[in-house]
């Protein structure tokens, strides 16, 4: 995202992923959850750097009106029922992040 400003990160993620995103501040460093269709986890190839929560996993979902900290909140709230990020956009973001991390470790 080229920023550590939470507002800028939220805007960028919203534009890049196009769907609902939850942010959990309770986890060290914070954790972002891009909501995607459940079947995408069956072919997810990036668990080493971005775990895809699958069937049998429970994720605490905040109330729709909870859109700021403290705690877990909607970084990008759903605009309509089924407002999900596309697996393709999440995959592209993960690949870009992996590439940037690799480039940083070569320096």
PDB file of N, CA and C in Angstrom:
ATOM      1  N   UNK A   1       0.806  -1.189   0.000  1.00  0.00           N
ATOM      2  CA  UNK A   1       0.000   0.000   0.000  1.00  0.00           C
ATOM      3  C   UNK A   1       0.855   1.262   0.000  1.00  0.00           C
ATOM      4  N   UNK A   2       2.140   1.100   0.226  1.00  0.00           N
ATOM      5  CA  UNK A   2       3.069   2.231   0.273  1.00  0.00           C
ATOM      6  C   UNK A   2       2.689   3.255   1.329  1.00  0.00           C
ATOM      7  N   UNK A   3       2.046   2.817   2.389  1.00  0.00           N
ATOM      8  CA  UNK A   3       1.653   3.727   3.457  1.00  0.00           C
ATOM      9  C   UNK A   3       1.406   2.934   4.735  1.00  0.00           C
ATOM     10  N   UNK A   4       1.633   3.586   5.861  1.00  0.00           N
ATOM     11  CA  UNK A   4       1.267   2.980   7.141  1.00  0.00           C
ATOM     12  C   UNK A   4       0.085   3.724   7.750  1.00  0.00           C
ATOM     13  N   UNK A   5      -0.420   4.737   7.037  1.00  0.00           N
ATOM     14  CA  UNK A   5      -1.583   5.494   7.486  1.00  0.00           C
ATOM     15  C   UNK A   5      -2.830   4.615   7.310  1.00  0.00           C
ATOM     16  N   UNK A   6      -3.531   4.299   8.401  1.00  0.00           N
ATOM     17  CA  UNK A   6      -4.683   3.397   8.319  1.00  0.00           C
ATOM     18  C   UNK A   6      -5.763   3.863   7.339  1.00  0.00           C
ATOM     19  N   UNK A   7      -5.986   5.158   7.252  1.00  0.00           N
ATOM     20  CA  UNK A   7      -7.010   5.658   6.326  1.00  0.00           C
ATOM     21  C   UNK A   7      -6.597   5.444   4.874  1.00  0.00           C
ATOM     22  N   UNK A   8      -5.329   5.677   4.569  1.00  0.00           N
ATOM     23  CA  UNK A   8      -4.845   5.460   3.205  1.00  0.00           C
ATOM     24  C   UNK A   8      -4.856   3.975   2.839  1.00  0.00           C
ATOM     25  N   UNK A   9      -4.484   3.142   3.798  1.00  0.00           N
ATOM     26  CA  UNK A   9      -4.509   1.691   3.558  1.00  0.00           C
ATOM     27  C   UNK A   9      -5.940   1.239   3.282  1.00  0.00           C
ATOM     28  N   UNK A  10      -6.891   1.741   4.050  1.00  0.00           N
ATOM     29  CA  UNK A  10      -8.298   1.370   3.859  1.00  0.00           C
ATOM     30  C   UNK A  10      -8.779   1.751   2.467  1.00  0.00           C
ATOM     31  N   UNK A  11      -8.462   2.960   2.038  1.00  0.00           N
ATOM     32  CA  UNK A  11      -8.882   3.416   0.708  1.00  0.00           C
ATOM     33  C   UNK A  11      -8.252   2.554  -0.372  1.00  0.00           C
ATOM     34  N   UNK A  12      -6.950   2.304  -0.261  1.00  0.00           N
ATOM     35  CA  UNK A  12      -6.251   1.491  -1.258  1.00  0.00           C
ATOM     36  C   UNK A  12      -6.801   0.070  -1.326  1.00  0.00           C
ATOM     37  N   UNK A  13      -6.983  -0.554  -0.168  1.00  0.00           N
ATOM     38  CA  UNK A  13      -7.526  -1.917  -0.163  1.00  0.00           C
ATOM     39  C   UNK A  13      -8.927  -1.960  -0.744  1.00  0.00           C
ATOM     40  N   UNK A  14      -9.734  -0.974  -0.398  1.00  0.00           N
ATOM     41  CA  UNK A  14     -11.088  -0.915  -0.947  1.00  0.00           C
ATOM     42  C   UNK A  14     -11.083  -0.823  -2.463  1.00  0.00           C
ATOM     43  N   UNK A  15     -10.197   0.002  -3.000  1.00  0.00           N
ATOM     44  CA  UNK A  15     -10.107   0.154  -4.455  1.00  0.00           C
ATOM     45  C   UNK A  15      -9.537  -1.094  -5.123  1.00  0.00           C
ATOM     46  N   UNK A  16      -8.506  -1.672  -4.526  1.00  0.00           N
ATOM     47  CA  UNK A  16      -7.854  -2.836  -5.131  1.00  0.00           C
ATOM     48  C   UNK A  16      -8.696  -4.104  -5.059  1.00  0.00           C
ATOM     49  N   UNK A  17      -9.365  -4.305  -3.934  1.00  0.00           N
ATOM     50  CA  UNK A  17     -10.051  -5.579  -3.720  1.00  0.00           C
ATOM     51  C   UNK A  17     -11.539  -5.522  -4.049  1.00  0.00           C
ATOM     52  N   UNK A  18     -12.135  -4.354  -3.967  1.00  0.00           N
ATOM     53  CA  UNK A  18     -13.508  -4.161  -4.417  1.00  0.00           C
ATOM     54  C   UNK A  18     -14.608  -4.820  -3.613  1.00  0.00           C
ATOM     55  N   UNK A  19     -14.315  -5.325  -2.440  1.00  0.00           N
ATOM     56  CA  UNK A  19     -15.344  -5.986  -1.635  1.00  0.00           C
ATOM     57  C   UNK A  19     -15.155  -5.718  -0.164  1.00  0.00           C
ATOM     58  N   UNK A  20     -15.830  -6.487   0.655  1.00  0.00           N
ATOM     59  CA  UNK A  20     -15.839  -6.303   2.105  1.00  0.00           C
ATOM     60  C   UNK A  20     -14.536  -6.773   2.743  1.00  0.00           C
ATOM     61  N   UNK A  21     -14.031  -5.955   3.699  1.00  0.00           N
ATOM     62  CA  UNK A  21     -12.779  -6.266   4.380  1.00  0.00           C
ATOM     63  C   UNK A  21     -12.937  -5.967   5.869  1.00  0.00           C
ATOM     64  N   UNK A  22     -12.508  -6.896   6.694  1.00  0.00           N
ATOM     65  CA  UNK A  22     -12.539  -6.744   8.148  1.00  0.00           C
ATOM     66  C   UNK A  22     -11.108  -6.518   8.622  1.00  0.00           C
ATOM     67  N   UNK A  23     -10.948  -5.673   9.633  1.00  0.00           N
ATOM     68  CA  UNK A  23      -9.630  -5.454  10.235  1.00  0.00           C
ATOM     69  C   UNK A  23      -9.720  -5.806  11.711  1.00  0.00           C
ATOM     70  N   UNK A  24      -8.814  -6.652  12.164  1.00  0.00           N
ATOM     71  CA  UNK A  24      -8.780  -7.090  13.558  1.00  0.00           C
ATOM     72  C   UNK A  24      -7.529  -6.537  14.213  1.00  0.00           C
ATOM     73  N   UNK A  25      -7.702  -5.553  15.074  1.00  0.00           N
ATOM     74  CA  UNK A  25      -6.567  -4.925  15.766  1.00  0.00           C
ATOM     75  C   UNK A  25      -6.084  -5.746  16.945  1.00  0.00           C
ATOM     76  N   UNK A  26      -6.843  -6.759  17.341  1.00  0.00           N
ATOM     77  CA  UNK A  26      -6.479  -7.537  18.528  1.00  0.00           C
ATOM     78  C   UNK A  26      -5.292  -8.447  18.277  1.00  0.00           C
ATOM     79  N   UNK A  27      -4.995  -8.731  17.041  1.00  0.00           N
ATOM     80  CA  UNK A  27      -3.872  -9.595  16.675  1.00  0.00           C
ATOM     81  C   UNK A  27      -2.636  -8.715  16.529  1.00  0.00           C
ATOM     82  N   UNK A  28      -1.492  -9.194  16.966  1.00  0.00           N
ATOM     83  CA  UNK A  28      -0.250  -8.413  16.903  1.00  0.00           C
ATOM     84  C   UNK A  28      -0.025  -7.869  15.494  1.00  0.00           C
ATOM     85  N   UNK A  29       0.099  -6.571  15.386  1.00  0.00           N
ATOM     86  CA  UNK A  29       0.313  -5.955  14.086  1.00  0.00           C
ATOM     87  C   UNK A  29      -0.957  -5.750  13.282  1.00  0.00           C
ATOM     88  N   UNK A  30      -2.047  -6.339  13.711  1.00  0.00           N
ATOM     89  CA  UNK A  30      -3.311  -6.223  12.984  1.00  0.00           C
ATOM     90  C   UNK A  30      -3.419  -7.238  11.868  1.00  0.00           C
ATOM     91  N   UNK A  31      -4.633  -7.683  11.617  1.00  0.00           N
ATOM     92  CA  UNK A  31      -4.880  -8.658  10.562  1.00  0.00           C
ATOM     93  C   UNK A  31      -6.039  -8.184   9.705  1.00  0.00           C
ATOM     94  N   UNK A  32      -5.856  -8.246   8.399  1.00  0.00           N
ATOM     95  CA  UNK A  32      -6.897  -7.897   7.439  1.00  0.00           C
ATOM     96  C   UNK A  32      -7.544  -9.177   6.933  1.00  0.00           C
ATOM     97  N   UNK A  33      -8.861  -9.162   6.814  1.00  0.00           N
ATOM     98  CA  UNK A  33      -9.606 -10.293   6.274  1.00  0.00           C
ATOM     99  C   UNK A  33     -10.393  -9.809   5.068  1.00  0.00           C
ATOM    100  N   UNK A  34      -9.959 -10.188   3.880  1.00  0.00           N
ATOM    101  CA  UNK A  34     -10.695  -9.899   2.658  1.00  0.00           C
ATOM    102  C   UNK A  34     -11.681 -11.043   2.467  1.00  0.00           C
ATOM    103  N   UNK A  35     -12.958 -10.735   2.463  1.00  0.00           N
ATOM    104  CA  UNK A  35     -13.972 -11.782   2.361  1.00  0.00           C
ATOM    105  C   UNK A  35     -14.148 -12.197   0.902  1.00  0.00           C
ATOM    106  N   UNK A  36     -13.991 -13.510   0.639  1.00  0.00           N
ATOM    107  CA  UNK A  36     -14.124 -14.061  -0.702  1.00  0.00           C
ATOM    108  C   UNK A  36     -15.055 -15.257  -0.649  1.00  0.00           C
ATOM    109  N   UNK A  37     -15.407 -15.771  -1.811  1.00  0.00           N
ATOM    110  CA  UNK A  37     -16.269 -16.954  -1.874  1.00  0.00           C
ATOM    111  C   UNK A  37     -15.563 -18.140  -1.229  1.00  0.00           C
ATOM    112  N   UNK A  38     -16.337 -18.950  -0.512  1.00  0.00           N
ATOM    113  CA  UNK A  38     -15.773 -20.076   0.228  1.00  0.00           C
ATOM    114  C   UNK A  38     -15.001 -21.065  -0.608  1.00  0.00           C
ATOM    115  N   UNK A  39     -15.437 -21.314  -1.835  1.00  0.00           N
ATOM    116  CA  UNK A  39     -14.757 -22.320  -2.653  1.00  0.00           C
ATOM    117  C   UNK A  39     -13.357 -21.885  -3.100  1.00  0.00           C
ATOM    118  N   UNK A  40     -13.039 -20.598  -3.009  1.00  0.00           N
ATOM    119  CA  UNK A  40     -11.714 -20.118  -3.420  1.00  0.00           C
ATOM    120  C   UNK A  40     -10.613 -20.744  -2.567  1.00  0.00           C
ATOM    121  N   UNK A  41     -10.925 -21.074  -1.328  1.00  0.00           N
ATOM    122  CA  UNK A  41      -9.931 -21.682  -0.443  1.00  0.00           C
ATOM    123  C   UNK A  41      -9.499 -23.066  -0.877  1.00  0.00           C
ATOM    124  N   UNK A  42     -10.292 -23.710  -1.716  1.00  0.00           N
ATOM    125  CA  UNK A  42      -9.945 -25.056  -2.173  1.00  0.00           C
ATOM    126  C   UNK A  42      -8.718 -25.059  -3.085  1.00  0.00           C
ATOM    127  N   UNK A  43      -8.459 -23.943  -3.745  1.00  0.00           N
ATOM    128  CA  UNK A  43      -7.330 -23.878  -4.677  1.00  0.00           C
ATOM    129  C   UNK A  43      -6.335 -22.786  -4.280  1.00  0.00           C
ATOM    130  N   UNK A  44      -6.413 -22.310  -3.067  1.00  0.00           N
ATOM    131  CA  UNK A  44      -5.545 -21.227  -2.605  1.00  0.00           C
ATOM    132  C   UNK A  44      -4.110 -21.717  -2.497  1.00  0.00           C
ATOM    133  N   UNK A  45      -3.185 -21.019  -3.134  1.00  0.00           N
ATOM    134  CA  UNK A  45      -1.791 -21.466  -3.189  1.00  0.00           C
ATOM    135  C   UNK A  45      -0.838 -20.590  -2.382  1.00  0.00           C
ATOM    136  N   UNK A  46      -1.366 -19.753  -1.481  1.00  0.00           N
ATOM    137  CA  UNK A  46      -0.514 -18.781  -0.799  1.00  0.00           C
ATOM    138  C   UNK A  46      -0.596 -18.882   0.723  1.00  0.00           C
ATOM    139  N   UNK A  47      -0.923 -20.031   1.241  1.00  0.00           N
ATOM    140  CA  UNK A  47      -1.056 -20.186   2.695  1.00  0.00           C
ATOM    141  C   UNK A  47       0.234 -19.881   3.450  1.00  0.00           C
ATOM    142  N   UNK A  48       1.360 -19.968   2.770  1.00  0.00           N
ATOM    143  CA  UNK A  48       2.630 -19.688   3.447  1.00  0.00           C
ATOM    144  C   UNK A  48       2.767 -18.214   3.830  1.00  0.00           C
ATOM    145  N   UNK A  49       2.085 -17.309   3.132  1.00  0.00           N
ATOM    146  CA  UNK A  49       2.187 -15.883   3.451  1.00  0.00           C
ATOM    147  C   UNK A  49       0.842 -15.208   3.692  1.00  0.00           C
ATOM    148  N   UNK A  50      -0.242 -15.812   3.230  1.00  0.00           N
ATOM    149  CA  UNK A  50      -1.581 -15.228   3.402  1.00  0.00           C
ATOM    150  C   UNK A  50      -2.580 -16.372   3.527  1.00  0.00           C
ATOM    151  N   UNK A  51      -2.850 -16.760   4.733  1.00  0.00           N
ATOM    152  CA  UNK A  51      -3.718 -17.903   4.980  1.00  0.00           C
ATOM    153  C   UNK A  51      -5.144 -17.627   4.525  1.00  0.00           C
ATOM    154  N   UNK A  52      -5.716 -18.587   3.858  1.00  0.00           N
ATOM    155  CA  UNK A  52      -7.124 -18.517   3.465  1.00  0.00           C
ATOM    156  C   UNK A  52      -7.904 -19.375   4.456  1.00  0.00           C
ATOM    157  N   UNK A  53      -8.749 -18.729   5.238  1.00  0.00           N
ATOM    158  CA  UNK A  53      -9.545 -19.464   6.217  1.00  0.00           C
ATOM    159  C   UNK A  53     -10.588 -20.284   5.470  1.00  0.00           C
ATOM    160  N   UNK A  54     -10.681 -21.546   5.797  1.00  0.00           N
ATOM    161  CA  UNK A  54     -11.578 -22.426   5.061  1.00  0.00           C
ATOM    162  C   UNK A  54     -12.758 -22.889   5.876  1.00  0.00           C
ATOM    163  N   UNK A  55     -13.426 -23.890   5.349  1.00  0.00           N
ATOM    164  CA  UNK A  55     -14.584 -24.467   6.015  1.00  0.00           C
ATOM    165  C   UNK A  55     -14.188 -24.968   7.391  1.00  0.00           C
ATOM    166  N   UNK A  56     -15.050 -24.773   8.354  1.00  0.00           N
ATOM    167  CA  UNK A  56     -14.785 -25.197   9.715  1.00  0.00           C
ATOM    168  C   UNK A  56     -14.055 -24.136  10.535  1.00  0.00           C
ATOM    169  N   UNK A  57     -13.729 -23.018   9.914  1.00  0.00           N
ATOM    170  CA  UNK A  57     -13.082 -21.912  10.607  1.00  0.00           C
ATOM    171  C   UNK A  57     -14.141 -20.870  10.945  1.00  0.00           C
ATOM    172  N   UNK A  58     -14.064 -20.344  12.138  1.00  0.00           N
ATOM    173  CA  UNK A  58     -15.014 -19.324  12.554  1.00  0.00           C
ATOM    174  C   UNK A  58     -14.307 -17.991  12.659  1.00  0.00           C
ATOM    175  N   UNK A  59     -14.879 -16.980  12.038  1.00  0.00           N
ATOM    176  CA  UNK A  59     -14.341 -15.631  12.058  1.00  0.00           C
ATOM    177  C   UNK A  59     -15.362 -14.723  12.715  1.00  0.00           C
ATOM    178  N   UNK A  60     -14.945 -14.036  13.767  1.00  0.00           N
ATOM    179  CA  UNK A  60     -15.840 -13.082  14.416  1.00  0.00           C
ATOM    180  C   UNK A  60     -16.089 -11.908  13.490  1.00  0.00           C
ATOM    181  N   UNK A  61     -17.331 -11.683  13.145  1.00  0.00           N
ATOM    182  CA  UNK A  61     -17.700 -10.607  12.227  1.00  0.00           C
ATOM    183  C   UNK A  61     -18.332  -9.482  13.035  1.00  0.00           C
ATOM    184  N   UNK A  62     -17.805  -8.265  12.888  1.00  0.00           N
ATOM    185  CA  UNK A  62     -18.356  -7.145  13.657  1.00  0.00           C
ATOM    186  C   UNK A  62     -19.740  -6.743  13.154  1.00  0.00           C
ATOM    187  N   UNK A  63     -20.465  -6.025  13.989  1.00  0.00           N
ATOM    188  CA  UNK A  63     -21.744  -5.458  13.548  1.00  0.00           C
ATOM    189  C   UNK A  63     -21.482  -4.549  12.358  1.00  0.00           C
ATOM    190  N   UNK A  64     -22.468  -4.396  11.503  1.00  0.00           N
ATOM    191  CA  UNK A  64     -22.285  -3.581  10.303  1.00  0.00           C
ATOM    192  C   UNK A  64     -21.953  -2.125  10.609  1.00  0.00           C
ATOM    193  N   UNK A  65     -22.413  -1.632  11.750  1.00  0.00           N
ATOM    194  CA  UNK A  65     -22.154  -0.231  12.078  1.00  0.00           C
ATOM    195  C   UNK A  65     -20.799  -0.023  12.771  1.00  0.00           C
ATOM    196  N   UNK A  66     -20.067  -1.094  12.992  1.00  0.00           N
ATOM    197  CA  UNK A  66     -18.753  -0.981  13.652  1.00  0.00           C
ATOM    198  C   UNK A  66     -17.691  -0.770  12.574  1.00  0.00           C
ATOM    199  N   UNK A  67     -17.308   0.505  12.383  1.00  0.00           N
ATOM    200  CA  UNK A  67     -16.398   0.840  11.296  1.00  0.00           C
ATOM    201  C   UNK A  67     -15.174   1.619  11.762  1.00  0.00           C
ATOM    202  N   UNK A  68     -14.835   1.463  13.036  1.00  0.00           N
ATOM    203  CA  UNK A  68     -13.614   2.063  13.562  1.00  0.00           C
ATOM    204  C   UNK A  68     -13.185   1.312  14.816  1.00  0.00           C
ATOM    205  N   UNK A  69     -11.915   1.508  15.184  1.00  0.00           N
ATOM    206  CA  UNK A  69     -11.402   0.834  16.372  1.00  0.00           C
ATOM    207  C   UNK A  69     -12.031   1.466  17.610  1.00  0.00           C
ATOM    208  N   UNK A  70     -11.904   0.839  18.742  1.00  0.00           N
ATOM    209  CA  UNK A  70     -11.005  -0.265  19.077  1.00  0.00           C
ATOM    210  C   UNK A  70     -11.581  -1.623  18.662  1.00  0.00           C
ATOM    211  N   UNK A  71     -10.703  -2.600  18.657  1.00  0.00           N
ATOM    212  CA  UNK A  71     -11.132  -3.963  18.362  1.00  0.00           C
ATOM    213  C   UNK A  71     -11.290  -4.240  16.883  1.00  0.00           C
ATOM    214  N   UNK A  72     -12.129  -5.217  16.592  1.00  0.00           N
ATOM    215  CA  UNK A  72     -12.375  -5.647  15.223  1.00  0.00           C
ATOM    216  C   UNK A  72     -13.455  -4.779  14.606  1.00  0.00           C
ATOM    217  N   UNK A  73     -13.235  -4.358  13.362  1.00  0.00           N
ATOM    218  CA  UNK A  73     -14.224  -3.508  12.698  1.00  0.00           C
ATOM    219  C   UNK A  73     -14.144  -3.682  11.184  1.00  0.00           C
ATOM    220  N   UNK A  74     -15.151  -3.141  10.503  1.00  0.00           N
ATOM    221  CA  UNK A  74     -15.195  -3.190   9.049  1.00  0.00           C
ATOM    222  C   UNK A  74     -14.281  -2.108   8.488  1.00  0.00           C
ATOM    223  N   UNK A  75     -13.241  -2.509   7.799  1.00  0.00           N
ATOM    224  CA  UNK A  75     -12.400  -1.557   7.089  1.00  0.00           C
ATOM    225  C   UNK A  75     -13.161  -1.080   5.848  1.00  0.00           C
ATOM    226  N   UNK A  76     -13.771  -2.038   5.164  1.00  0.00           N
ATOM    227  CA  UNK A  76     -14.656  -1.752   4.038  1.00  0.00           C
ATOM    228  C   UNK A  76     -15.932  -2.551   4.302  1.00  0.00           C
ATOM    229  N   UNK A  77     -16.987  -1.893   4.741  1.00  0.00           N
ATOM    230  CA  UNK A  77     -18.219  -2.623   5.052  1.00  0.00           C
ATOM    231  C   UNK A  77     -18.921  -3.110   3.781  1.00  0.00           C
ATOM    232  N   UNK A  78     -19.703  -4.157   3.896  1.00  0.00           N
ATOM    233  CA  UNK A  78     -20.446  -4.632   2.723  1.00  0.00           C
ATOM    234  C   UNK A  78     -21.480  -3.596   2.296  1.00  0.00           C
ATOM    235  N   UNK A  79     -21.576  -3.406   0.988  1.00  0.00           N
ATOM    236  CA  UNK A  79     -22.547  -2.462   0.430  1.00  0.00           C
ATOM    237  C   UNK A  79     -23.872  -3.132   0.120  1.00  0.00           C
ATOM    238  N   UNK A  80     -23.829  -4.447  -0.030  1.00  0.00           N
ATOM    239  CA  UNK A  80     -25.020  -5.233  -0.354  1.00  0.00           C
ATOM    240  C   UNK A  80     -24.740  -6.677   0.024  1.00  0.00           C
ATOM    241  N   UNK A  81     -25.765  -7.491   0.078  1.00  0.00           N
ATOM    242  CA  UNK A  81     -25.589  -8.905   0.418  1.00  0.00           C
ATOM    243  C   UNK A  81     -24.698  -9.569  -0.627  1.00  0.00           C
ATOM    244  N   UNK A  82     -23.695 -10.285  -0.173  1.00  0.00           N
ATOM    245  CA  UNK A  82     -22.783 -10.975  -1.078  1.00  0.00           C
ATOM    246  C   UNK A  82     -21.679 -10.089  -1.627  1.00  0.00           C
ATOM    247  N   UNK A  83     -21.426  -8.943  -1.006  1.00  0.00           N
ATOM    248  CA  UNK A  83     -20.387  -8.009  -1.456  1.00  0.00           C
ATOM    249  C   UNK A  83     -19.018  -8.557  -1.052  1.00  0.00           C
ATOM    250  N   UNK A  84     -18.429  -9.351  -1.922  1.00  0.00           N
ATOM    251  CA  UNK A  84     -17.170 -10.040  -1.637  1.00  0.00           C
ATOM    252  C   UNK A  84     -16.054  -9.537  -2.537  1.00  0.00           C
ATOM    253  N   UNK A  85     -14.835  -9.701  -2.072  1.00  0.00           N
ATOM    254  CA  UNK A  85     -13.659  -9.418  -2.891  1.00  0.00           C
ATOM    255  C   UNK A  85     -13.510 -10.562  -3.887  1.00  0.00           C
ATOM    256  N   UNK A  86     -12.975 -10.278  -5.047  1.00  0.00           N
ATOM    257  CA  UNK A  86     -12.760 -11.351  -6.010  1.00  0.00           C
ATOM    258  C   UNK A  86     -11.461 -12.077  -5.661  1.00  0.00           C
ATOM    259  N   UNK A  87     -11.448 -13.382  -5.768  1.00  0.00           N
ATOM    260  CA  UNK A  87     -10.205 -14.114  -5.502  1.00  0.00           C
ATOM    261  C   UNK A  87      -9.061 -13.612  -6.377  1.00  0.00           C
ATOM    262  N   UNK A  88      -9.357 -13.224  -7.598  1.00  0.00           N
ATOM    263  CA  UNK A  88      -8.323 -12.728  -8.513  1.00  0.00           C
ATOM    264  C   UNK A  88      -7.661 -11.462  -7.961  1.00  0.00           C
ATOM    265  N   UNK A  89      -8.449 -10.552  -7.402  1.00  0.00           N
ATOM    266  CA  UNK A  89      -7.869  -9.312  -6.872  1.00  0.00           C
ATOM    267  C   UNK A  89      -7.046  -9.583  -5.609  1.00  0.00           C
ATOM    268  N   UNK A  90      -7.513 -10.502  -4.779  1.00  0.00           N
ATOM    269  CA  UNK A  90      -6.753 -10.848  -3.570  1.00  0.00           C
ATOM    270  C   UNK A  90      -5.453 -11.539  -3.964  1.00  0.00           C
ATOM    271  N   UNK A  91      -5.514 -12.437  -4.928  1.00  0.00           N
ATOM    272  CA  UNK A  91      -4.319 -13.124  -5.410  1.00  0.00           C
ATOM    273  C   UNK A  91      -3.312 -12.135  -5.982  1.00  0.00           C
ATOM    274  N   UNK A  92      -3.788 -11.166  -6.746  1.00  0.00           N
ATOM    275  CA  UNK A  92      -2.887 -10.160  -7.328  1.00  0.00           C
ATOM    276  C   UNK A  92      -2.195  -9.358  -6.230  1.00  0.00           C
ATOM    277  N   UNK A  93      -2.928  -9.002  -5.182  1.00  0.00           N
ATOM    278  CA  UNK A  93      -2.340  -8.255  -4.074  1.00  0.00           C
ATOM    279  C   UNK A  93      -1.299  -9.100  -3.333  1.00  0.00           C
ATOM    280  N   UNK A  94      -1.601 -10.364  -3.111  1.00  0.00           N
ATOM    281  CA  UNK A  94      -0.658 -11.256  -2.423  1.00  0.00           C
ATOM    282  C   UNK A  94       0.610 -11.437  -3.260  1.00  0.00           C
ATOM    283  N   UNK A  95       0.453 -11.618  -4.559  1.00  0.00           N
ATOM    284  CA  UNK A  95       1.622 -11.772  -5.436  1.00  0.00           C
ATOM    285  C   UNK A  95       2.487 -10.511  -5.421  1.00  0.00           C
ATOM    286  N   UNK A  96       1.839  -9.370  -5.472  1.00  0.00           N
ATOM    287  CA  UNK A  96       2.585  -8.101  -5.438  1.00  0.00           C
ATOM    288  C   UNK A  96       3.341  -7.958  -4.112  1.00  0.00           C
ATOM    289  N   UNK A  97       2.681  -8.290  -3.019  1.00  0.00           N
ATOM    290  CA  UNK A  97       3.331  -8.215  -1.709  1.00  0.00           C
ATOM    291  C   UNK A  97       4.502  -9.181  -1.621  1.00  0.00           C
ATOM    292  N   UNK A  98       4.308 -10.391  -2.118  1.00  0.00           N
ATOM    293  CA  UNK A  98       5.391 -11.382  -2.095  1.00  0.00           C
ATOM    294  C   UNK A  98       6.580 -10.890  -2.903  1.00  0.00           C
ATOM    295  N   UNK A  99       6.314 -10.316  -4.045  1.00  0.00           N
ATOM    296  CA  UNK A  99       7.366  -9.788  -4.903  1.00  0.00           C
ATOM    297  C   UNK A  99       8.128  -8.652  -4.216  1.00  0.00           C
ATOM    298  N   UNK A 100       7.414  -7.759  -3.568  1.00  0.00           N
ATOM    299  CA  UNK A 100       8.051  -6.642  -2.868  1.00  0.00           C
ATOM    300  C   UNK A 100       8.873  -7.134  -1.688  1.00  0.00           C
ATOM    301  N   UNK A 101       8.365  -8.137  -0.972  1.00  0.00           N
ATOM    302  CA  UNK A 101       9.123  -8.694   0.144  1.00  0.00           C
ATOM    303  C   UNK A 101      10.416  -9.354  -0.362  1.00  0.00           C
ATOM    304  N   UNK A 102      10.325 -10.073  -1.467  1.00  0.00           N
ATOM    305  CA  UNK A 102      11.502 -10.727  -2.027  1.00  0.00           C
ATOM    306  C   UNK A 102      12.518  -9.692  -2.487  1.00  0.00           C
ATOM    307  N   UNK A 103      12.056  -8.622  -3.105  1.00  0.00           N
ATOM    308  CA  UNK A 103      12.958  -7.578  -3.569  1.00  0.00           C
ATOM    309  C   UNK A 103      13.648  -6.901  -2.384  1.00  0.00           C
ATOM    310  N   UNK A 104      12.936  -6.731  -1.286  1.00  0.00           N
ATOM    311  CA  UNK A 104      13.516  -6.121  -0.098  1.00  0.00           C
ATOM    312  C   UNK A 104      14.558  -6.990   0.553  1.00  0.00           C
ATOM    313  N   UNK A 105      14.403  -8.304   0.477  1.00  0.00           N
ATOM    314  CA  UNK A 105      15.364  -9.203   1.108  1.00  0.00           C
ATOM    315  C   UNK A 105      16.632  -9.344   0.267  1.00  0.00           C
ATOM    316  N   UNK A 106      16.580  -8.959  -1.005  1.00  0.00           N
ATOM    317  CA  UNK A 106      17.750  -9.040  -1.873  1.00  0.00           C
ATOM    318  C   UNK A 106      18.670  -7.842  -1.696  1.00  0.00           C
ATOM    319  N   UNK A 107      18.152  -6.781  -1.092  1.00  0.00           N
ATOM    320  CA  UNK A 107      18.942  -5.558  -0.948  1.00  0.00           C
ATOM    321  C   UNK A 107      19.940  -5.679   0.156  1.00  0.00           C
TER     322      UNK A 107
END
